[in-house]
Structures are given as structure tokens and as C-alpha cells.
Amino acid sequence: ATRWADTAKYPSLTARLRGFDPMPVPSTDISKAAALAGFKAMF
């Protein structure tokens, strides 16, 4: 979730790991609130 602050620098890790389906994509720009998205995902 947090990598959407800068996806060019931070590509998906789950896409390179075993057993994960593609992750969701945000419907709007959340770069200014990506840490909050990450916190919510974590919890």
C-alpha cells in the first residue's frame, strides 16, 4: 500500500514472491496518504 507514494522506485514485492495474486490498484492518487494506506493495510 505504501509503495504508491512512488511506484517507480518501489515496485511490487508480492509480484516477485510465491503464491500472491496481483495487488489492488488505487482508484485515485494516494501518494500524499500512502503511509496511512500502509498503516490500514497492516492492521
ModelCIF file with pLDDT and N, C-alpha, C, O atoms, coordinates in Angstrom:
data_MODEL
#
_entry.id   MODEL 
#
_entity.id                         1 
_entity.type                       polymer 
_entity.pdbx_number_of_molecules   1 
#
_entity_poly.entity_id                      1 
_entity_poly.type                           'polypeptide(L)' 
_entity_poly.nstd_linkage                   no 
_entity_poly.nstd_monomer                   no 
_entity_poly.pdbx_seq_one_letter_code       ATRWADTAKYPSLTARLRGFDPMPVPSTDISKAAALAGFKAMF 
_entity_poly.pdbx_seq_one_letter_code_can   ATRWADTAKYPSLTARLRGFDPMPVPSTDISKAAALAGFKAMF 
_entity_poly.pdbx_strand_id                 A 
#
loop_
_entity_poly_seq.entity_id 
_entity_poly_seq.num 
_entity_poly_seq.mon_id 
_entity_poly_seq.hetero 
1 1  ALA n 
1 2  THR n 
1 3  ARG n 
1 4  TRP n 
1 5  ALA n 
1 6  ASP n 
1 7  THR n 
1 8  ALA n 
1 9  LYS n 
1 10 TYR n 
1 11 PRO n 
1 12 SER n 
1 13 LEU n 
1 14 THR n 
1 15 ALA n 
1 16 ARG n 
1 17 LEU n 
1 18 ARG n 
1 19 GLY n 
1 20 PHE n 
1 21 ASP n 
1 22 PRO n 
1 23 MET n 
1 24 PRO n 
1 25 VAL n 
1 26 PRO n 
1 27 SER n 
1 28 THR n 
1 29 ASP n 
1 30 ILE n 
1 31 SER n 
1 32 LYS n 
1 33 ALA n 
1 34 ALA n 
1 35 ALA n 
1 36 LEU n 
1 37 ALA n 
1 38 GLY n 
1 39 PHE n 
1 40 LYS n 
1 41 ALA n 
1 42 MET n 
1 43 PHE n 
#
_struct_asym.id          A 
_struct_asym.entity_id   1 
#
loop_
_ma_qa_metric.id 
_ma_qa_metric.mode 
_ma_qa_metric.name 
_ma_qa_metric.software_group_id 
_ma_qa_metric.type 
1 global pLDDT . pLDDT 
2 local  pLDDT . pLDDT 
#
_ma_qa_metric_global.metric_id      1 
_ma_qa_metric_global.metric_value   97.47 
_ma_qa_metric_global.model_id       1 
_ma_qa_metric_global.ordinal_id     1 
#
loop_
_ma_qa_metric_local.label_asym_id 
_ma_qa_metric_local.label_comp_id 
_ma_qa_metric_local.label_seq_id 
_ma_qa_metric_local.metric_id 
_ma_qa_metric_local.metric_value 
_ma_qa_metric_local.model_id 
_ma_qa_metric_local.ordinal_id 
A ALA 1  2 98.00 1 1  
A THR 2  2 98.00 1 2  
A ARG 3  2 98.00 1 3  
A TRP 4  2 98.00 1 4  
A ALA 5  2 98.00 1 5  
A ASP 6  2 97.00 1 6  
A THR 7  2 97.00 1 7  
A ALA 8  2 96.00 1 8  
A LYS 9  2 96.00 1 9  
A TYR 10 2 97.00 1 10 
A PRO 11 2 97.00 1 11 
A SER 12 2 98.00 1 12 
A LEU 13 2 98.00 1 13 
A THR 14 2 98.00 1 14 
A ALA 15 2 98.00 1 15 
A ARG 16 2 98.00 1 16 
A LEU 17 2 98.00 1 17 
A ARG 18 2 98.00 1 18 
A GLY 19 2 98.00 1 19 
A PHE 20 2 98.00 1 20 
A ASP 21 2 98.00 1 21 
A PRO 22 2 98.00 1 22 
A MET 23 2 98.00 1 23 
A PRO 24 2 98.00 1 24 
A VAL 25 2 98.00 1 25 
A PRO 26 2 97.00 1 26 
A SER 27 2 94.00 1 27 
A THR 28 2 95.00 1 28 
A ASP 29 2 96.00 1 29 
A ILE 30 2 96.00 1 30 
A SER 31 2 97.00 1 31 
A LYS 32 2 96.00 1 32 
A ALA 33 2 98.00 1 33 
A ALA 34 2 98.00 1 34 
A ALA 35 2 98.00 1 35 
A LEU 36 2 98.00 1 36 
A ALA 37 2 98.00 1 37 
A GLY 38 2 98.00 1 38 
A PHE 39 2 98.00 1 39 
A LYS 40 2 98.00 1 40 
A ALA 41 2 98.00 1 41 
A MET 42 2 98.00 1 42 
A PHE 43 2 98.00 1 43 
#
loop_
_atom_site.group_PDB 
_atom_site.id 
_atom_site.type_symbol 
_atom_site.label_atom_id 
_atom_site.label_alt_id 
_atom_site.label_comp_id 
_atom_site.label_asym_id 
_atom_site.label_entity_id 
_atom_site.label_seq_id 
_atom_site.pdbx_PDB_ins_code 
_atom_site.Cartn_x 
_atom_site.Cartn_y 
_atom_site.Cartn_z 
_atom_site.occupancy 
_atom_site.B_iso_or_equiv 
_atom_site.pdbx_formal_charge 
_atom_site.auth_seq_id 
_atom_site.auth_comp_id 
_atom_site.auth_asym_id 
_atom_site.auth_atom_id 
_atom_site.pdbx_PDB_model_num 
ATOM 1   N N  . ALA A 1 1  ? 0.835  -1.210  0.000  1.00 98.00 ? 1  ALA A N  1 
ATOM 2   C CA . ALA A 1 1  ? 0.000  0.000   0.000  1.00 98.00 ? 1  ALA A CA 1 
ATOM 3   C C  . ALA A 1 1  ? 0.864  1.252   0.000  1.00 98.00 ? 1  ALA A C  1 
ATOM 4   O O  . ALA A 1 1  ? 0.581  2.199   -0.733 1.00 98.00 ? 1  ALA A O  1 
ATOM 5   N N  . THR A 1 2  ? 1.913  1.266   0.814  1.00 98.00 ? 2  THR A N  1 
ATOM 6   C CA . THR A 1 2  ? 2.745  2.465   0.959  1.00 98.00 ? 2  THR A CA 1 
ATOM 7   C C  . THR A 1 2  ? 3.568  2.750   -0.290 1.00 98.00 ? 2  THR A C  1 
ATOM 8   O O  . THR A 1 2  ? 3.896  3.908   -0.550 1.00 98.00 ? 2  THR A O  1 
ATOM 9   N N  . ARG A 1 3  ? 3.907  1.744   -1.059 1.00 98.00 ? 3  ARG A N  1 
ATOM 10  C CA . ARG A 1 3  ? 4.759  1.952   -2.232 1.00 98.00 ? 3  ARG A CA 1 
ATOM 11  C C  . ARG A 1 3  ? 4.134  2.877   -3.263 1.00 98.00 ? 3  ARG A C  1 
ATOM 12  O O  . ARG A 1 3  ? 4.821  3.359   -4.163 1.00 98.00 ? 3  ARG A O  1 
ATOM 13  N N  . TRP A 1 4  ? 2.825  3.131   -3.138 1.00 98.00 ? 4  TRP A N  1 
ATOM 14  C CA . TRP A 1 4  ? 2.155  4.027   -4.073 1.00 98.00 ? 4  TRP A CA 1 
ATOM 15  C C  . TRP A 1 4  ? 2.535  5.481   -3.850 1.00 98.00 ? 4  TRP A C  1 
ATOM 16  O O  . TRP A 1 4  ? 2.066  6.368   -4.564 1.00 98.00 ? 4  TRP A O  1 
ATOM 17  N N  . ALA A 1 5  ? 3.387  5.726   -2.858 1.00 98.00 ? 5  ALA A N  1 
ATOM 18  C CA . ALA A 1 5  ? 3.981  7.058   -2.712 1.00 98.00 ? 5  ALA A CA 1 
ATOM 19  C C  . ALA A 1 5  ? 4.938  7.328   -3.870 1.00 98.00 ? 5  ALA A C  1 
ATOM 20  O O  . ALA A 1 5  ? 5.124  8.473   -4.281 1.00 98.00 ? 5  ALA A O  1 
ATOM 21  N N  . ASP A 1 6  ? 5.550  6.246   -4.395 1.00 97.00 ? 6  ASP A N  1 
ATOM 22  C CA . ASP A 1 6  ? 6.474  6.383   -5.518 1.00 97.00 ? 6  ASP A CA 1 
ATOM 23  C C  . ASP A 1 6  ? 6.690  5.000   -6.128 1.00 97.00 ? 6  ASP A C  1 
ATOM 24  O O  . ASP A 1 6  ? 7.671  4.329   -5.808 1.00 97.00 ? 6  ASP A O  1 
ATOM 25  N N  . THR A 1 7  ? 5.796  4.577   -6.988 1.00 97.00 ? 7  THR A N  1 
ATOM 26  C CA . THR A 1 7  ? 5.858  3.217   -7.542 1.00 97.00 ? 7  THR A CA 1 
ATOM 27  C C  . THR A 1 7  ? 7.037  3.024   -8.488 1.00 97.00 ? 7  THR A C  1 
ATOM 28  O O  . THR A 1 7  ? 7.447  1.889   -8.733 1.00 97.00 ? 7  THR A O  1 
ATOM 29  N N  . ALA A 1 8  ? 7.588  4.105   -9.021 1.00 96.00 ? 8  ALA A N  1 
ATOM 30  C CA . ALA A 1 8  ? 8.755  3.979   -9.897 1.00 96.00 ? 8  ALA A CA 1 
ATOM 31  C C  . ALA A 1 8  ? 9.969  3.477   -9.116 1.00 96.00 ? 8  ALA A C  1 
ATOM 32  O O  . ALA A 1 8  ? 10.764 2.689   -9.629 1.00 96.00 ? 8  ALA A O  1 
ATOM 33  N N  . LYS A 1 9  ? 10.103 3.930   -7.895 1.00 96.00 ? 9  LYS A N  1 
ATOM 34  C CA . LYS A 1 9  ? 11.206 3.495   -7.040 1.00 96.00 ? 9  LYS A CA 1 
ATOM 35  C C  . LYS A 1 9  ? 10.904 2.200   -6.302 1.00 96.00 ? 9  LYS A C  1 
ATOM 36  O O  . LYS A 1 9  ? 11.808 1.423   -5.995 1.00 96.00 ? 9  LYS A O  1 
ATOM 37  N N  . TYR A 1 10 ? 9.645  1.977   -6.026 1.00 97.00 ? 10 TYR A N  1 
ATOM 38  C CA . TYR A 1 10 ? 9.267  0.856   -5.164 1.00 97.00 ? 10 TYR A CA 1 
ATOM 39  C C  . TYR A 1 10 ? 8.274  -0.062  -5.869 1.00 97.00 ? 10 TYR A C  1 
ATOM 40  O O  . TYR A 1 10 ? 7.065  0.081   -5.685 1.00 97.00 ? 10 TYR A O  1 
ATOM 41  N N  . PRO A 1 11 ? 8.768  -1.004  -6.674 1.00 97.00 ? 11 PRO A N  1 
ATOM 42  C CA . PRO A 1 11 ? 7.879  -1.952  -7.361 1.00 97.00 ? 11 PRO A CA 1 
ATOM 43  C C  . PRO A 1 11 ? 7.275  -2.962  -6.391 1.00 97.00 ? 11 PRO A C  1 
ATOM 44  O O  . PRO A 1 11 ? 7.726  -3.101  -5.254 1.00 97.00 ? 11 PRO A O  1 
ATOM 45  N N  . SER A 1 12 ? 6.268  -3.647  -6.852 1.00 98.00 ? 12 SER A N  1 
ATOM 46  C CA . SER A 1 12 ? 5.603  -4.641  -6.018 1.00 98.00 ? 12 SER A CA 1 
ATOM 47  C C  . SER A 1 12 ? 6.560  -5.767  -5.639 1.00 98.00 ? 12 SER A C  1 
ATOM 48  O O  . SER A 1 12 ? 7.276  -6.294  -6.491 1.00 98.00 ? 12 SER A O  1 
ATOM 49  N N  . LEU A 1 13 ? 6.569  -6.127  -4.381 1.00 98.00 ? 13 LEU A N  1 
ATOM 50  C CA . LEU A 1 13 ? 7.344  -7.283  -3.917 1.00 98.00 ? 13 LEU A CA 1 
ATOM 51  C C  . LEU A 1 13 ? 6.537  -8.561  -4.033 1.00 98.00 ? 13 LEU A C  1 
ATOM 52  O O  . LEU A 1 13 ? 7.083  -9.610  -4.376 1.00 98.00 ? 13 LEU A O  1 
ATOM 53  N N  . THR A 1 14 ? 5.255  -8.489  -3.755 1.00 98.00 ? 14 THR A N  1 
ATOM 54  C CA . THR A 1 14 ? 4.431  -9.704  -3.812 1.00 98.00 ? 14 THR A CA 1 
ATOM 55  C C  . THR A 1 14 ? 4.391  -10.272 -5.220 1.00 98.00 ? 14 THR A C  1 
ATOM 56  O O  . THR A 1 14 ? 4.203  -11.476 -5.391 1.00 98.00 ? 14 THR A O  1 
ATOM 57  N N  . ALA A 1 15 ? 4.565  -9.422  -6.240 1.00 98.00 ? 15 ALA A N  1 
ATOM 58  C CA . ALA A 1 15 ? 4.586  -9.895  -7.623 1.00 98.00 ? 15 ALA A CA 1 
ATOM 59  C C  . ALA A 1 15 ? 5.809  -10.765 -7.887 1.00 98.00 ? 15 ALA A C  1 
ATOM 60  O O  . ALA A 1 15 ? 5.834  -11.531 -8.850 1.00 98.00 ? 15 ALA A O  1 
ATOM 61  N N  . ARG A 1 16 ? 6.826  -10.647 -7.029 1.00 98.00 ? 16 ARG A N  1 
ATOM 62  C CA . ARG A 1 16 ? 8.060  -11.412 -7.197 1.00 98.00 ? 16 ARG A CA 1 
ATOM 63  C C  . ARG A 1 16 ? 8.151  -12.575 -6.207 1.00 98.00 ? 16 ARG A C  1 
ATOM 64  O O  . ARG A 1 16 ? 9.140  -13.308 -6.191 1.00 98.00 ? 16 ARG A O  1 
ATOM 65  N N  . LEU A 1 17 ? 7.130  -12.734 -5.396 1.00 98.00 ? 17 LEU A N  1 
ATOM 66  C CA . LEU A 1 17 ? 7.097  -13.803 -4.405 1.00 98.00 ? 17 LEU A CA 1 
ATOM 67  C C  . LEU A 1 17 ? 6.114  -14.885 -4.830 1.00 98.00 ? 17 LEU A C  1 
ATOM 68  O O  . LEU A 1 17 ? 5.407  -14.747 -5.828 1.00 98.00 ? 17 LEU A O  1 
ATOM 69  N N  . ARG A 1 18 ? 6.084  -15.955 -4.058 1.00 98.00 ? 18 ARG A N  1 
ATOM 70  C CA . ARG A 1 18 ? 5.280  -17.115 -4.422 1.00 98.00 ? 18 ARG A CA 1 
ATOM 71  C C  . ARG A 1 18 ? 3.877  -17.034 -3.813 1.00 98.00 ? 18 ARG A C  1 
ATOM 72  O O  . ARG A 1 18 ? 3.715  -16.750 -2.627 1.00 98.00 ? 18 ARG A O  1 
ATOM 73  N N  . GLY A 1 19 ? 2.868  -17.291 -4.655 1.00 98.00 ? 19 GLY A N  1 
ATOM 74  C CA . GLY A 1 19 ? 1.516  -17.504 -4.154 1.00 98.00 ? 19 GLY A CA 1 
ATOM 75  C C  . GLY A 1 19 ? 0.611  -16.301 -4.059 1.00 98.00 ? 19 GLY A C  1 
ATOM 76  O O  . GLY A 1 19 ? -0.529 -16.438 -3.614 1.00 98.00 ? 19 GLY A O  1 
ATOM 77  N N  . PHE A 1 20 ? 1.064  -15.131 -4.455 1.00 98.00 ? 20 PHE A N  1 
ATOM 78  C CA . PHE A 1 20 ? 0.240  -13.926 -4.357 1.00 98.00 ? 20 PHE A CA 1 
ATOM 79  C C  . PHE A 1 20 ? -0.476 -13.641 -5.677 1.00 98.00 ? 20 PHE A C  1 
ATOM 80  O O  . PHE A 1 20 ? 0.107  -13.770 -6.753 1.00 98.00 ? 20 PHE A O  1 
ATOM 81  N N  . ASP A 1 21 ? -1.723 -13.260 -5.580 1.00 98.00 ? 21 ASP A N  1 
ATOM 82  C CA . ASP A 1 21 ? -2.440 -12.723 -6.727 1.00 98.00 ? 21 ASP A CA 1 
ATOM 83  C C  . ASP A 1 21 ? -2.040 -11.258 -6.887 1.00 98.00 ? 21 ASP A C  1 
ATOM 84  O O  . ASP A 1 21 ? -1.497 -10.668 -5.952 1.00 98.00 ? 21 ASP A O  1 
ATOM 85  N N  . PRO A 1 22 ? -2.297 -10.658 -8.053 1.00 98.00 ? 22 PRO A N  1 
ATOM 86  C CA . PRO A 1 22 ? -1.975 -9.230  -8.224 1.00 98.00 ? 22 PRO A CA 1 
ATOM 87  C C  . PRO A 1 22 ? -2.658 -8.375  -7.159 1.00 98.00 ? 22 PRO A C  1 
ATOM 88  O O  . PRO A 1 22 ? -3.810 -8.615  -6.797 1.00 98.00 ? 22 PRO A O  1 
ATOM 89  N N  . MET A 1 23 ? -1.934 -7.381  -6.666 1.00 98.00 ? 23 MET A N  1 
ATOM 90  C CA . MET A 1 23 ? -2.461 -6.498  -5.641 1.00 98.00 ? 23 MET A CA 1 
ATOM 91  C C  . MET A 1 23 ? -3.420 -5.466  -6.243 1.00 98.00 ? 23 MET A C  1 
ATOM 92  O O  . MET A 1 23 ? -3.322 -5.155  -7.430 1.00 98.00 ? 23 MET A O  1 
ATOM 93  N N  . PRO A 1 24 ? -4.338 -4.937  -5.445 1.00 98.00 ? 24 PRO A N  1 
ATOM 94  C CA . PRO A 1 24 ? -5.258 -3.891  -5.918 1.00 98.00 ? 24 PRO A CA 1 
ATOM 95  C C  . PRO A 1 24 ? -4.495 -2.638  -6.359 1.00 98.00 ? 24 PRO A C  1 
ATOM 96  O O  . PRO A 1 24 ? -3.354 -2.407  -5.958 1.00 98.00 ? 24 PRO A O  1 
ATOM 97  N N  . VAL A 1 25 ? -5.156 -1.846  -7.189 1.00 98.00 ? 25 VAL A N  1 
ATOM 98  C CA . VAL A 1 25 ? -4.606 -0.568  -7.653 1.00 98.00 ? 25 VAL A CA 1 
ATOM 99  C C  . VAL A 1 25 ? -5.543 0.529   -7.154 1.00 98.00 ? 25 VAL A C  1 
ATOM 100 O O  . VAL A 1 25 ? -6.761 0.396   -7.278 1.00 98.00 ? 25 VAL A O  1 
ATOM 101 N N  . PRO A 1 26 ? -4.999 1.611   -6.592 1.00 97.00 ? 26 PRO A N  1 
ATOM 102 C CA . PRO A 1 26 ? -5.876 2.674   -6.071 1.00 97.00 ? 26 PRO A CA 1 
ATOM 103 C C  . PRO A 1 26 ? -6.659 3.354   -7.204 1.00 97.00 ? 26 PRO A C  1 
ATOM 104 O O  . PRO A 1 26 ? -6.153 3.506   -8.316 1.00 97.00 ? 26 PRO A O  1 
ATOM 105 N N  . SER A 1 27 ? -7.866 3.750   -6.911 1.00 94.00 ? 27 SER A N  1 
ATOM 106 C CA . SER A 1 27 ? -8.720 4.388   -7.909 1.00 94.00 ? 27 SER A CA 1 
ATOM 107 C C  . SER A 1 27 ? -8.355 5.853   -8.128 1.00 94.00 ? 27 SER A C  1 
ATOM 108 O O  . SER A 1 27 ? -8.801 6.469   -9.096 1.00 94.00 ? 27 SER A O  1 
ATOM 109 N N  . THR A 1 28 ? -7.552 6.402   -7.239 1.00 95.00 ? 28 THR A N  1 
ATOM 110 C CA . THR A 1 28 ? -7.145 7.804   -7.331 1.00 95.00 ? 28 THR A CA 1 
ATOM 111 C C  . THR A 1 28 ? -5.755 7.957   -6.747 1.00 95.00 ? 28 THR A C  1 
ATOM 112 O O  . THR A 1 28 ? -5.252 7.035   -6.106 1.00 95.00 ? 28 THR A O  1 
ATOM 113 N N  . ASP A 1 29 ? -5.134 9.087   -6.953 1.00 96.00 ? 29 ASP A N  1 
ATOM 114 C CA . ASP A 1 29 ? -3.790 9.342   -6.442 1.00 96.00 ? 29 ASP A CA 1 
ATOM 115 C C  . ASP A 1 29 ? -3.811 9.410   -4.916 1.00 96.00 ? 29 ASP A C  1 
ATOM 116 O O  . ASP A 1 29 ? -4.476 10.264  -4.331 1.00 96.00 ? 29 ASP A O  1 
ATOM 117 N N  . ILE A 1 30 ? -3.062 8.484   -4.272 1.00 96.00 ? 30 ILE A N  1 
ATOM 118 C CA . ILE A 1 30 ? -2.997 8.477   -2.803 1.00 96.00 ? 30 ILE A CA 1 
ATOM 119 C C  . ILE A 1 30 ? -1.579 8.729   -2.323 1.00 96.00 ? 30 ILE A C  1 
ATOM 120 O O  . ILE A 1 30 ? -1.260 8.454   -1.167 1.00 96.00 ? 30 ILE A O  1 
ATOM 121 N N  . SER A 1 31 ? -0.720 9.251   -3.200 1.00 97.00 ? 31 SER A N  1 
ATOM 122 C CA . SER A 1 31 ? 0.694  9.410   -2.853 1.00 97.00 ? 31 SER A CA 1 
ATOM 123 C C  . SER A 1 31 ? 0.908  10.240  -1.589 1.00 97.00 ? 31 SER A C  1 
ATOM 124 O O  . SER A 1 31 ? 1.874  10.013  -0.860 1.00 97.00 ? 31 SER A O  1 
ATOM 125 N N  . LYS A 1 32 ? 0.018  11.200  -1.321 1.00 96.00 ? 32 LYS A N  1 
ATOM 126 C CA . LYS A 1 32 ? 0.150  12.039  -0.128 1.00 96.00 ? 32 LYS A CA 1 
ATOM 127 C C  . LYS A 1 32 ? -0.414 11.371  1.121  1.00 96.00 ? 32 LYS A C  1 
ATOM 128 O O  . LYS A 1 32 ? -0.300 11.898  2.227  1.00 96.00 ? 32 LYS A O  1 
ATOM 129 N N  . ALA A 1 33 ? -1.018 10.215  0.930  1.00 98.00 ? 33 ALA A N  1 
ATOM 130 C CA . ALA A 1 33 ? -1.592 9.497   2.077  1.00 98.00 ? 33 ALA A CA 1 
ATOM 131 C C  . ALA A 1 33 ? -1.217 8.019   2.025  1.00 98.00 ? 33 ALA A C  1 
ATOM 132 O O  . ALA A 1 33 ? -1.916 7.177   2.589  1.00 98.00 ? 33 ALA A O  1 
ATOM 133 N N  . ALA A 1 34 ? -0.108 7.703   1.343  1.00 98.00 ? 34 ALA A N  1 
ATOM 134 C CA . ALA A 1 34 ? 0.277  6.307   1.162  1.00 98.00 ? 34 ALA A CA 1 
ATOM 135 C C  . ALA A 1 34 ? 0.646  5.639   2.483  1.00 98.00 ? 34 ALA A C  1 
ATOM 136 O O  . ALA A 1 34 ? 0.362  4.456   2.675  1.00 98.00 ? 34 ALA A O  1 
ATOM 137 N N  . ALA A 1 35 ? 1.275  6.378   3.397  1.00 98.00 ? 35 ALA A N  1 
ATOM 138 C CA . ALA A 1 35 ? 1.639  5.795   4.694  1.00 98.00 ? 35 ALA A CA 1 
ATOM 139 C C  . ALA A 1 35 ? 0.389  5.413   5.480  1.00 98.00 ? 35 ALA A C  1 
ATOM 140 O O  . ALA A 1 35 ? 0.369  4.391   6.166  1.00 98.00 ? 35 ALA A O  1 
ATOM 141 N N  . LEU A 1 36 ? -0.640 6.228   5.380  1.00 98.00 ? 36 LEU A N  1 
ATOM 142 C CA . LEU A 1 36 ? -1.897 5.906   6.043  1.00 98.00 ? 36 LEU A CA 1 
ATOM 143 C C  . LEU A 1 36 ? -2.504 4.647   5.441  1.00 98.00 ? 36 LEU A C  1 
ATOM 144 O O  . LEU A 1 36 ? -3.027 3.797   6.161  1.00 98.00 ? 36 LEU A O  1 
ATOM 145 N N  . ALA A 1 37 ? -2.433 4.531   4.107  1.00 98.00 ? 37 ALA A N  1 
ATOM 146 C CA . ALA A 1 37 ? -2.921 3.317   3.451  1.00 98.00 ? 37 ALA A CA 1 
ATOM 147 C C  . ALA A 1 37 ? -2.132 2.100   3.927  1.00 98.00 ? 37 ALA A C  1 
ATOM 148 O O  . ALA A 1 37 ? -2.697 1.030   4.153  1.00 98.00 ? 37 ALA A O  1 
ATOM 149 N N  . GLY A 1 38 ? -0.811 2.278   4.078  1.00 98.00 ? 38 GLY A N  1 
ATOM 150 C CA . GLY A 1 38 ? 0.018  1.189   4.560  1.00 98.00 ? 38 GLY A CA 1 
ATOM 151 C C  . GLY A 1 38 ? -0.324 0.782   5.982  1.00 98.00 ? 38 GLY A C  1 
ATOM 152 O O  . GLY A 1 38 ? -0.384 -0.405  6.304  1.00 98.00 ? 38 GLY A O  1 
ATOM 153 N N  . PHE A 1 39 ? -0.548 1.775   6.826  1.00 98.00 ? 39 PHE A N  1 
ATOM 154 C CA . PHE A 1 39 ? -0.948 1.504   8.206  1.00 98.00 ? 39 PHE A CA 1 
ATOM 155 C C  . PHE A 1 39 ? -2.262 0.718   8.237  1.00 98.00 ? 39 PHE A C  1 
ATOM 156 O O  . PHE A 1 39 ? -2.392 -0.255  8.981  1.00 98.00 ? 39 PHE A O  1 
ATOM 157 N N  . LYS A 1 40 ? -3.225 1.141   7.432  1.00 98.00 ? 40 LYS A N  1 
ATOM 158 C CA . LYS A 1 40 ? -4.524 0.468   7.392  1.00 98.00 ? 40 LYS A CA 1 
ATOM 159 C C  . LYS A 1 40 ? -4.371 -0.965  6.880  1.00 98.00 ? 40 LYS A C  1 
ATOM 160 O O  . LYS A 1 40 ? -5.011 -1.881  7.396  1.00 98.00 ? 40 LYS A O  1 
ATOM 161 N N  . ALA A 1 41 ? -3.526 -1.156  5.868  1.00 98.00 ? 41 ALA A N  1 
ATOM 162 C CA . ALA A 1 41 ? -3.293 -2.496  5.339  1.00 98.00 ? 41 ALA A CA 1 
ATOM 163 C C  . ALA A 1 41 ? -2.672 -3.400  6.402  1.00 98.00 ? 41 ALA A C  1 
ATOM 164 O O  . ALA A 1 41 ? -3.061 -4.557  6.563  1.00 98.00 ? 41 ALA A O  1 
ATOM 165 N N  . MET A 1 42 ? -1.703 -2.847  7.119  1.00 98.00 ? 42 MET A N  1 
ATOM 166 C CA . MET A 1 42 ? -1.040 -3.594  8.185  1.00 98.00 ? 42 MET A CA 1 
ATOM 167 C C  . MET A 1 42 ? -2.038 -4.057  9.240  1.00 98.00 ? 42 MET A C  1 
ATOM 168 O O  . MET A 1 42 ? -2.010 -5.216  9.655  1.00 98.00 ? 42 MET A O  1 
ATOM 169 N N  . PHE A 1 43 ? -2.910 -3.166  9.672  1.00 98.00 ? 43 PHE A N  1 
ATOM 170 C CA . PHE A 1 43 ? -3.851 -3.511  10.731 1.00 98.00 ? 43 PHE A CA 1 
ATOM 171 C C  . PHE A 1 43 ? -4.991 -4.393  10.232 1.00 98.00 ? 43 PHE A C  1 
ATOM 172 O O  . PHE A 1 43 ? -5.868 -4.768  11.011 1.00 98.00 ? 43 PHE A O  1 
#
